[in-house]
N, C-alpha and C. Protein backbone atom coordinates (compact mmCIF):
# COMPACT_ATOMS: atom_id res chain seq x y z
N LEU A 1 37.28 -40.23 -6.45
CA LEU A 1 36.06 -40.29 -5.67
C LEU A 1 36.30 -40.90 -4.30
N GLN A 2 37.23 -41.83 -4.22
CA GLN A 2 37.51 -42.43 -2.93
C GLN A 2 38.03 -41.39 -1.94
N GLU A 3 38.82 -40.43 -2.45
CA GLU A 3 39.33 -39.37 -1.58
C GLU A 3 38.18 -38.51 -1.07
N ILE A 4 37.23 -38.22 -1.94
CA ILE A 4 36.08 -37.41 -1.54
C ILE A 4 35.28 -38.12 -0.46
N ILE A 5 35.03 -39.40 -0.66
CA ILE A 5 34.27 -40.16 0.33
C ILE A 5 35.00 -40.18 1.66
N LEU A 6 36.32 -40.33 1.62
CA LEU A 6 37.11 -40.29 2.85
C LEU A 6 36.98 -38.93 3.55
N ILE A 7 37.02 -37.87 2.78
CA ILE A 7 36.86 -36.53 3.34
C ILE A 7 35.48 -36.38 3.98
N ILE A 8 34.46 -36.88 3.30
CA ILE A 8 33.09 -36.78 3.84
C ILE A 8 33.00 -37.50 5.17
N VAL A 9 33.53 -38.70 5.21
CA VAL A 9 33.48 -39.48 6.45
C VAL A 9 34.18 -38.73 7.57
N LYS A 10 35.36 -38.19 7.27
CA LYS A 10 36.09 -37.43 8.29
C LYS A 10 35.32 -36.18 8.71
N ALA A 11 34.70 -35.52 7.74
CA ALA A 11 33.98 -34.28 8.05
C ALA A 11 32.78 -34.53 8.95
N PHE A 12 32.05 -35.58 8.70
CA PHE A 12 30.84 -35.83 9.46
C PHE A 12 31.08 -36.57 10.77
N PHE A 13 32.16 -37.29 10.86
CA PHE A 13 32.40 -38.08 12.07
C PHE A 13 33.57 -37.58 12.90
N SER A 14 34.14 -36.47 12.53
CA SER A 14 35.26 -35.92 13.29
C SER A 14 35.12 -34.41 13.37
N SER A 15 35.15 -33.89 14.57
CA SER A 15 35.07 -32.43 14.74
C SER A 15 36.42 -31.78 14.49
N GLU A 16 37.43 -32.57 14.17
CA GLU A 16 38.77 -32.05 13.94
C GLU A 16 39.06 -31.84 12.45
N TYR A 17 38.01 -31.67 11.65
CA TYR A 17 38.20 -31.51 10.21
C TYR A 17 37.51 -30.24 9.72
N PRO A 18 38.00 -29.09 10.16
CA PRO A 18 37.31 -27.84 9.83
C PRO A 18 37.52 -27.34 8.40
N ASN A 19 38.48 -27.87 7.68
CA ASN A 19 38.80 -27.37 6.33
C ASN A 19 38.20 -28.23 5.23
N PHE A 20 37.02 -28.74 5.47
CA PHE A 20 36.37 -29.63 4.51
C PHE A 20 36.30 -29.02 3.11
N TYR A 21 35.78 -27.79 2.99
CA TYR A 21 35.61 -27.19 1.67
C TYR A 21 36.94 -26.89 0.99
N ASP A 22 37.96 -26.51 1.76
CA ASP A 22 39.28 -26.30 1.16
C ASP A 22 39.83 -27.59 0.57
N HIS A 23 39.57 -28.71 1.22
CA HIS A 23 40.06 -29.99 0.70
C HIS A 23 39.29 -30.42 -0.55
N VAL A 24 37.99 -30.23 -0.55
CA VAL A 24 37.21 -30.55 -1.74
C VAL A 24 37.64 -29.62 -2.88
N TYR A 25 37.88 -28.35 -2.57
CA TYR A 25 38.35 -27.38 -3.55
C TYR A 25 39.67 -27.83 -4.17
N SER A 26 40.56 -28.39 -3.36
CA SER A 26 41.85 -28.85 -3.88
C SER A 26 41.70 -30.04 -4.82
N LEU A 27 40.62 -30.80 -4.67
CA LEU A 27 40.36 -31.93 -5.56
C LEU A 27 39.64 -31.52 -6.84
N THR A 28 39.11 -30.32 -6.86
CA THR A 28 38.34 -29.83 -8.00
C THR A 28 39.32 -29.24 -9.02
N LYS A 29 39.72 -30.10 -9.94
CA LYS A 29 40.72 -29.74 -10.96
C LYS A 29 40.19 -30.12 -12.34
N PRO A 30 40.72 -29.51 -13.40
CA PRO A 30 40.24 -29.85 -14.74
C PRO A 30 40.30 -31.34 -15.07
N SER A 31 41.25 -32.05 -14.52
CA SER A 31 41.40 -33.47 -14.83
C SER A 31 40.19 -34.30 -14.41
N VAL A 32 39.45 -33.87 -13.39
CA VAL A 32 38.28 -34.66 -12.96
C VAL A 32 37.19 -34.68 -14.02
N LEU A 33 37.20 -33.69 -14.91
CA LEU A 33 36.18 -33.63 -15.96
C LEU A 33 36.49 -34.57 -17.12
N TYR A 34 37.61 -35.25 -17.05
CA TYR A 34 37.97 -36.25 -18.06
C TYR A 34 37.80 -37.67 -17.53
N LEU A 35 37.39 -37.81 -16.29
CA LEU A 35 37.19 -39.13 -15.69
C LEU A 35 35.88 -39.74 -16.14
N ASP A 36 35.80 -41.07 -16.09
CA ASP A 36 34.55 -41.75 -16.41
C ASP A 36 33.45 -41.40 -15.42
N GLN A 37 33.84 -41.08 -14.20
CA GLN A 37 32.87 -40.78 -13.14
C GLN A 37 32.64 -39.28 -12.95
N LYS A 38 32.85 -38.48 -13.99
CA LYS A 38 32.72 -37.03 -13.84
C LYS A 38 31.32 -36.59 -13.43
N GLU A 39 30.28 -37.30 -13.93
CA GLU A 39 28.91 -36.94 -13.55
C GLU A 39 28.70 -37.12 -12.06
N LYS A 40 29.26 -38.18 -11.51
CA LYS A 40 29.14 -38.44 -10.07
C LYS A 40 29.86 -37.35 -9.28
N PHE A 41 31.04 -36.95 -9.74
CA PHE A 41 31.78 -35.89 -9.08
C PHE A 41 30.97 -34.59 -9.08
N ILE A 42 30.41 -34.23 -10.23
CA ILE A 42 29.62 -33.00 -10.34
C ILE A 42 28.40 -33.06 -9.43
N SER A 43 27.76 -34.22 -9.39
CA SER A 43 26.58 -34.41 -8.54
C SER A 43 26.94 -34.28 -7.05
N LEU A 44 28.05 -34.91 -6.65
CA LEU A 44 28.50 -34.80 -5.26
C LEU A 44 28.86 -33.36 -4.90
N LEU A 45 29.51 -32.69 -5.82
CA LEU A 45 29.88 -31.30 -5.58
C LEU A 45 28.63 -30.44 -5.40
N ASP A 46 27.61 -30.70 -6.21
CA ASP A 46 26.35 -29.98 -6.09
C ASP A 46 25.73 -30.21 -4.71
N LYS A 47 25.81 -31.44 -4.23
CA LYS A 47 25.26 -31.75 -2.90
C LYS A 47 26.07 -31.07 -1.79
N PHE A 48 27.39 -31.11 -1.90
CA PHE A 48 28.24 -30.48 -0.88
C PHE A 48 27.96 -28.99 -0.78
N LEU A 49 27.63 -28.38 -1.91
CA LEU A 49 27.46 -26.93 -1.95
C LEU A 49 26.00 -26.50 -1.92
N SER A 50 25.11 -27.41 -1.56
CA SER A 50 23.68 -27.09 -1.60
C SER A 50 23.19 -26.32 -0.38
N SER A 51 23.91 -26.35 0.71
CA SER A 51 23.49 -25.61 1.90
C SER A 51 23.55 -24.11 1.66
N THR A 52 22.53 -23.41 2.11
CA THR A 52 22.52 -21.95 1.98
C THR A 52 23.32 -21.28 3.10
N HIS A 53 23.91 -22.07 3.97
CA HIS A 53 24.69 -21.53 5.09
C HIS A 53 26.20 -21.52 4.82
N ILE A 54 26.58 -21.88 3.63
CA ILE A 54 28.00 -21.86 3.26
C ILE A 54 28.42 -20.40 3.05
N PRO A 55 29.58 -20.00 3.53
CA PRO A 55 30.03 -18.62 3.33
C PRO A 55 30.13 -18.26 1.85
N ASN A 56 29.87 -16.99 1.54
CA ASN A 56 29.89 -16.52 0.15
C ASN A 56 31.24 -16.76 -0.52
N TYR A 57 32.34 -16.57 0.21
CA TYR A 57 33.65 -16.74 -0.40
C TYR A 57 33.88 -18.19 -0.83
N VAL A 58 33.27 -19.15 -0.13
CA VAL A 58 33.41 -20.56 -0.51
C VAL A 58 32.66 -20.81 -1.82
N VAL A 59 31.43 -20.35 -1.89
CA VAL A 59 30.62 -20.53 -3.10
C VAL A 59 31.28 -19.83 -4.28
N ALA A 60 31.75 -18.62 -4.07
CA ALA A 60 32.41 -17.86 -5.14
C ALA A 60 33.67 -18.57 -5.61
N GLY A 61 34.44 -19.12 -4.69
CA GLY A 61 35.66 -19.84 -5.05
C GLY A 61 35.37 -21.04 -5.93
N PHE A 62 34.36 -21.81 -5.57
CA PHE A 62 34.00 -22.97 -6.39
C PHE A 62 33.45 -22.53 -7.74
N ALA A 63 32.59 -21.52 -7.75
CA ALA A 63 32.02 -21.04 -9.02
C ALA A 63 33.13 -20.58 -9.96
N LYS A 64 34.09 -19.85 -9.42
CA LYS A 64 35.18 -19.34 -10.26
C LYS A 64 36.08 -20.47 -10.75
N ARG A 65 36.43 -21.40 -9.85
CA ARG A 65 37.28 -22.51 -10.28
C ARG A 65 36.57 -23.34 -11.35
N LEU A 66 35.29 -23.62 -11.16
CA LEU A 66 34.53 -24.38 -12.15
C LEU A 66 34.45 -23.64 -13.47
N SER A 67 34.31 -22.32 -13.42
CA SER A 67 34.28 -21.52 -14.65
C SER A 67 35.60 -21.63 -15.41
N ARG A 68 36.70 -21.58 -14.69
CA ARG A 68 38.00 -21.75 -15.33
C ARG A 68 38.14 -23.14 -15.94
N MET A 69 37.64 -24.13 -15.21
CA MET A 69 37.73 -25.51 -15.69
C MET A 69 36.95 -25.70 -16.99
N LEU A 70 35.89 -24.91 -17.17
CA LEU A 70 35.09 -25.01 -18.40
C LEU A 70 35.91 -24.75 -19.65
N LEU A 71 36.91 -23.91 -19.54
CA LEU A 71 37.74 -23.57 -20.70
C LEU A 71 38.58 -24.74 -21.16
N LEU A 72 38.79 -25.72 -20.29
CA LEU A 72 39.61 -26.89 -20.61
C LEU A 72 38.80 -28.18 -20.65
N ALA A 73 37.52 -28.09 -20.38
CA ALA A 73 36.69 -29.28 -20.22
C ALA A 73 36.23 -29.86 -21.56
N PRO A 74 36.01 -31.18 -21.59
CA PRO A 74 35.42 -31.79 -22.78
C PRO A 74 33.96 -31.34 -22.89
N VAL A 75 33.43 -31.35 -24.09
CA VAL A 75 32.07 -30.86 -24.35
C VAL A 75 31.04 -31.57 -23.48
N ASP A 76 31.19 -32.88 -23.28
CA ASP A 76 30.18 -33.61 -22.50
C ASP A 76 30.18 -33.25 -21.02
N ALA A 77 31.17 -32.51 -20.56
CA ALA A 77 31.20 -32.07 -19.17
C ALA A 77 30.78 -30.60 -19.03
N GLN A 78 30.81 -29.86 -20.12
CA GLN A 78 30.55 -28.42 -20.03
C GLN A 78 29.11 -28.10 -19.62
N GLU A 79 28.14 -28.77 -20.21
CA GLU A 79 26.75 -28.49 -19.84
C GLU A 79 26.45 -28.79 -18.38
N PRO A 80 26.85 -29.96 -17.85
CA PRO A 80 26.59 -30.20 -16.42
C PRO A 80 27.30 -29.21 -15.49
N VAL A 81 28.50 -28.80 -15.84
CA VAL A 81 29.22 -27.84 -15.00
C VAL A 81 28.54 -26.47 -15.06
N LEU A 82 28.08 -26.08 -16.24
CA LEU A 82 27.33 -24.82 -16.34
C LEU A 82 26.07 -24.89 -15.48
N GLY A 83 25.41 -26.04 -15.49
CA GLY A 83 24.23 -26.23 -14.64
C GLY A 83 24.57 -26.11 -13.17
N LEU A 84 25.69 -26.67 -12.77
CA LEU A 84 26.13 -26.59 -11.37
C LEU A 84 26.41 -25.14 -10.98
N ILE A 85 27.10 -24.41 -11.84
CA ILE A 85 27.40 -23.00 -11.55
C ILE A 85 26.11 -22.20 -11.44
N ARG A 86 25.18 -22.46 -12.34
CA ARG A 86 23.89 -21.75 -12.26
C ARG A 86 23.18 -22.08 -10.94
N ASN A 87 23.22 -23.35 -10.53
CA ASN A 87 22.63 -23.73 -9.24
C ASN A 87 23.26 -22.95 -8.10
N LEU A 88 24.58 -22.84 -8.12
CA LEU A 88 25.29 -22.11 -7.06
C LEU A 88 24.84 -20.65 -7.00
N LEU A 89 24.75 -20.02 -8.15
CA LEU A 89 24.37 -18.61 -8.19
C LEU A 89 22.90 -18.41 -7.81
N THR A 90 22.07 -19.38 -8.12
CA THR A 90 20.65 -19.30 -7.76
C THR A 90 20.45 -19.49 -6.27
N ARG A 91 21.14 -20.46 -5.70
CA ARG A 91 21.02 -20.73 -4.26
C ARG A 91 21.66 -19.65 -3.39
N HIS A 92 22.65 -19.00 -3.94
CA HIS A 92 23.44 -18.02 -3.18
C HIS A 92 23.43 -16.67 -3.91
N PRO A 93 22.32 -15.94 -3.83
CA PRO A 93 22.21 -14.69 -4.59
C PRO A 93 23.27 -13.64 -4.22
N ASN A 94 23.88 -13.77 -3.06
CA ASN A 94 24.91 -12.79 -2.67
C ASN A 94 26.18 -12.91 -3.51
N VAL A 95 26.34 -14.00 -4.24
CA VAL A 95 27.51 -14.11 -5.11
C VAL A 95 27.17 -13.80 -6.57
N SER A 96 25.96 -13.28 -6.81
CA SER A 96 25.59 -12.91 -8.18
C SER A 96 26.46 -11.76 -8.69
N CYS A 97 27.22 -11.13 -7.79
CA CYS A 97 28.15 -10.08 -8.22
C CYS A 97 29.20 -10.64 -9.18
N LEU A 98 29.33 -11.95 -9.22
CA LEU A 98 30.28 -12.57 -10.16
C LEU A 98 29.80 -12.43 -11.60
N ILE A 99 28.48 -12.22 -11.78
CA ILE A 99 27.96 -12.07 -13.15
C ILE A 99 27.28 -10.72 -13.37
N HIS A 100 26.83 -10.06 -12.31
CA HIS A 100 26.16 -8.76 -12.42
C HIS A 100 26.62 -7.86 -11.28
N ARG A 101 27.27 -6.78 -11.62
CA ARG A 101 27.69 -5.81 -10.60
C ARG A 101 26.89 -4.52 -10.80
N ASP A 102 26.50 -3.90 -9.69
CA ASP A 102 25.76 -2.64 -9.79
C ASP A 102 26.62 -1.56 -10.45
N VAL A 103 27.88 -1.53 -10.08
CA VAL A 103 28.83 -0.59 -10.68
C VAL A 103 29.89 -1.42 -11.39
N PRO A 104 29.85 -1.45 -12.72
CA PRO A 104 30.84 -2.26 -13.45
C PRO A 104 32.26 -1.78 -13.16
N GLU A 105 33.14 -2.74 -13.06
CA GLU A 105 34.55 -2.44 -12.80
C GLU A 105 35.38 -2.84 -14.01
N THR A 106 36.42 -2.08 -14.26
CA THR A 106 37.39 -2.44 -15.28
C THR A 106 38.64 -2.92 -14.55
N LEU A 107 39.00 -4.15 -14.81
CA LEU A 107 40.16 -4.73 -14.14
C LEU A 107 41.28 -4.94 -15.14
N SER A 108 42.49 -4.64 -14.74
CA SER A 108 43.63 -4.85 -15.64
C SER A 108 43.94 -6.34 -15.78
N SER A 109 43.63 -7.10 -14.75
CA SER A 109 43.79 -8.55 -14.80
C SER A 109 42.81 -9.18 -13.81
N ASP A 110 42.61 -10.45 -13.94
CA ASP A 110 41.68 -11.16 -13.07
C ASP A 110 42.29 -11.28 -11.67
N PRO A 111 41.60 -10.78 -10.64
CA PRO A 111 42.16 -10.85 -9.28
C PRO A 111 42.14 -12.26 -8.68
N TYR A 112 41.42 -13.17 -9.32
CA TYR A 112 41.34 -14.54 -8.81
C TYR A 112 42.69 -15.23 -8.95
N ASP A 113 43.14 -15.85 -7.87
CA ASP A 113 44.41 -16.59 -7.87
C ASP A 113 44.10 -18.08 -7.88
N GLU A 114 44.18 -18.69 -9.06
CA GLU A 114 43.82 -20.10 -9.19
C GLU A 114 44.82 -21.03 -8.49
N ASN A 115 45.99 -20.54 -8.16
CA ASN A 115 46.99 -21.36 -7.47
C ASN A 115 46.90 -21.27 -5.95
N GLU A 116 46.04 -20.40 -5.45
CA GLU A 116 45.86 -20.25 -4.00
C GLU A 116 44.99 -21.39 -3.48
N PRO A 117 45.50 -22.21 -2.57
CA PRO A 117 44.73 -23.36 -2.08
C PRO A 117 43.61 -23.01 -1.11
N SER A 118 43.65 -21.81 -0.53
CA SER A 118 42.65 -21.42 0.45
C SER A 118 41.51 -20.64 -0.21
N LEU A 119 40.30 -21.11 0.01
CA LEU A 119 39.14 -20.41 -0.54
C LEU A 119 39.02 -18.99 -0.01
N SER A 120 39.43 -18.77 1.21
CA SER A 120 39.31 -17.44 1.81
C SER A 120 40.33 -16.44 1.25
N LYS A 121 41.35 -16.92 0.55
CA LYS A 121 42.41 -16.04 0.06
C LYS A 121 42.51 -15.98 -1.47
N CYS A 122 41.66 -16.70 -2.19
CA CYS A 122 41.81 -16.79 -3.65
C CYS A 122 41.21 -15.60 -4.40
N ASN A 123 40.51 -14.70 -3.70
CA ASN A 123 39.94 -13.48 -4.29
C ASN A 123 38.85 -13.73 -5.32
N ALA A 124 38.13 -14.81 -5.20
CA ALA A 124 37.08 -15.11 -6.17
C ALA A 124 35.97 -14.06 -6.16
N LEU A 125 35.60 -13.56 -4.99
CA LEU A 125 34.52 -12.57 -4.92
C LEU A 125 34.88 -11.25 -5.60
N SER A 126 36.15 -10.99 -5.80
CA SER A 126 36.58 -9.77 -6.48
C SER A 126 36.65 -9.96 -7.99
N SER A 127 36.41 -11.16 -8.44
CA SER A 127 36.53 -11.50 -9.85
C SER A 127 35.16 -11.49 -10.53
N SER A 128 35.11 -12.08 -11.71
CA SER A 128 33.86 -12.26 -12.44
C SER A 128 33.93 -13.62 -13.14
N LEU A 129 32.80 -14.04 -13.64
CA LEU A 129 32.76 -15.32 -14.37
C LEU A 129 32.81 -15.05 -15.88
N TRP A 130 33.83 -14.33 -16.31
CA TRP A 130 34.00 -13.98 -17.71
C TRP A 130 34.13 -15.22 -18.59
N GLU A 131 34.58 -16.32 -18.02
CA GLU A 131 34.77 -17.55 -18.79
C GLU A 131 33.45 -18.04 -19.36
N ILE A 132 32.38 -17.87 -18.59
CA ILE A 132 31.06 -18.31 -19.06
C ILE A 132 30.59 -17.44 -20.22
N LYS A 133 30.82 -16.15 -20.12
CA LYS A 133 30.46 -15.24 -21.21
C LYS A 133 31.17 -15.65 -22.50
N SER A 134 32.42 -16.07 -22.39
CA SER A 134 33.15 -16.49 -23.59
C SER A 134 32.57 -17.76 -24.20
N LEU A 135 31.94 -18.60 -23.37
CA LEU A 135 31.34 -19.83 -23.89
C LEU A 135 30.05 -19.58 -24.68
N GLN A 136 29.53 -18.37 -24.63
CA GLN A 136 28.35 -18.05 -25.44
C GLN A 136 28.67 -18.07 -26.93
N LYS A 137 29.93 -18.08 -27.27
CA LYS A 137 30.37 -18.17 -28.67
C LYS A 137 30.91 -19.57 -28.99
N HIS A 138 30.60 -20.53 -28.15
CA HIS A 138 31.09 -21.90 -28.30
C HIS A 138 30.56 -22.51 -29.60
N TRP A 139 31.35 -23.37 -30.21
CA TRP A 139 30.93 -24.02 -31.46
C TRP A 139 29.77 -24.97 -31.25
N HIS A 140 29.64 -25.53 -30.05
CA HIS A 140 28.54 -26.46 -29.77
C HIS A 140 27.33 -25.65 -29.30
N GLN A 141 26.26 -25.73 -30.06
CA GLN A 141 25.08 -24.90 -29.83
C GLN A 141 24.50 -25.07 -28.41
N ASN A 142 24.47 -26.28 -27.89
CA ASN A 142 23.90 -26.51 -26.56
C ASN A 142 24.72 -25.84 -25.46
N VAL A 143 26.03 -25.88 -25.61
CA VAL A 143 26.91 -25.23 -24.62
C VAL A 143 26.70 -23.72 -24.68
N ALA A 144 26.68 -23.17 -25.88
CA ALA A 144 26.47 -21.72 -26.04
C ALA A 144 25.13 -21.29 -25.45
N LYS A 145 24.10 -22.08 -25.68
CA LYS A 145 22.77 -21.75 -25.15
C LYS A 145 22.76 -21.84 -23.63
N ARG A 146 23.37 -22.87 -23.07
CA ARG A 146 23.40 -23.05 -21.62
C ARG A 146 24.16 -21.91 -20.95
N ALA A 147 25.19 -21.38 -21.63
CA ALA A 147 25.99 -20.29 -21.06
C ALA A 147 25.25 -18.95 -21.06
N SER A 148 24.14 -18.86 -21.73
CA SER A 148 23.41 -17.59 -21.83
C SER A 148 22.74 -17.19 -20.52
N PHE A 149 22.72 -18.07 -19.53
CA PHE A 149 22.07 -17.71 -18.26
C PHE A 149 22.71 -16.50 -17.59
N VAL A 150 23.96 -16.21 -17.91
CA VAL A 150 24.62 -15.06 -17.26
C VAL A 150 24.05 -13.73 -17.73
N ASP A 151 23.32 -13.73 -18.85
CA ASP A 151 22.73 -12.50 -19.36
C ASP A 151 21.31 -12.27 -18.84
N LYS A 152 20.79 -13.23 -18.10
CA LYS A 152 19.41 -13.15 -17.62
C LYS A 152 19.41 -12.98 -16.11
N LYS A 153 18.29 -12.50 -15.61
CA LYS A 153 18.14 -12.41 -14.16
C LYS A 153 17.90 -13.82 -13.64
N LEU A 154 18.67 -14.20 -12.64
CA LEU A 154 18.54 -15.54 -12.09
C LEU A 154 17.29 -15.65 -11.24
N GLN A 155 16.67 -16.79 -11.34
CA GLN A 155 15.49 -17.08 -10.53
C GLN A 155 15.90 -17.14 -9.06
N GLN A 156 15.14 -16.51 -8.22
CA GLN A 156 15.42 -16.54 -6.79
C GLN A 156 14.79 -17.77 -6.17
N VAL A 157 15.51 -18.40 -5.27
CA VAL A 157 14.99 -19.56 -4.56
C VAL A 157 14.19 -19.05 -3.36
N ARG A 158 12.98 -19.52 -3.26
CA ARG A 158 12.14 -19.14 -2.12
C ARG A 158 11.96 -20.36 -1.24
N PHE A 159 12.24 -20.16 0.03
CA PHE A 159 12.07 -21.25 0.98
C PHE A 159 10.72 -21.09 1.65
N PRO A 160 9.93 -22.17 1.70
CA PRO A 160 8.59 -22.05 2.28
C PRO A 160 8.66 -21.70 3.77
N PHE A 161 7.76 -20.81 4.16
CA PHE A 161 7.68 -20.41 5.57
C PHE A 161 6.79 -21.40 6.29
N GLN A 162 7.27 -21.88 7.42
CA GLN A 162 6.47 -22.77 8.24
C GLN A 162 6.36 -22.17 9.63
N ALA A 163 5.14 -22.00 10.08
CA ALA A 163 4.91 -21.42 11.40
C ALA A 163 5.40 -22.37 12.48
N ILE A 164 5.95 -21.82 13.52
CA ILE A 164 6.41 -22.63 14.65
C ILE A 164 5.19 -23.04 15.46
N GLN A 165 5.09 -24.30 15.75
CA GLN A 165 3.91 -24.79 16.48
C GLN A 165 4.26 -25.18 17.88
């Protein structure tokens, strides 16, 4: 968490830190879901990714990495991470192609490169969140139920219109 706070400080107080999301992405690893402060990490990540002005490839990269992390995560971290992924897909409807494509594709392998450090090059938008679908058969009923959101139409976020005065 100290590294994240340092990154935040640099990002907000220095114009020389353009790779903020790539650095946060590099810190987003399965091991963070085993920390005592995992809830704080998930909450901070949700805040970092709450802007609707973040590029689609950034949101898709985080959604895909978090989906992969779910396969290795302890049960007490799976529900909050599923909630975070759902938030990302709800706030950013342009990345819903990760769970619903107009024309289904058959892929011989997952195009996502989990070892690629750059969000712009990891091919997350060409992938799918198949990991969440697999969690629908999870032994823990709450996790399986939470993962069912991928089968439903996501609620669209509506931003209130305010007239310019």
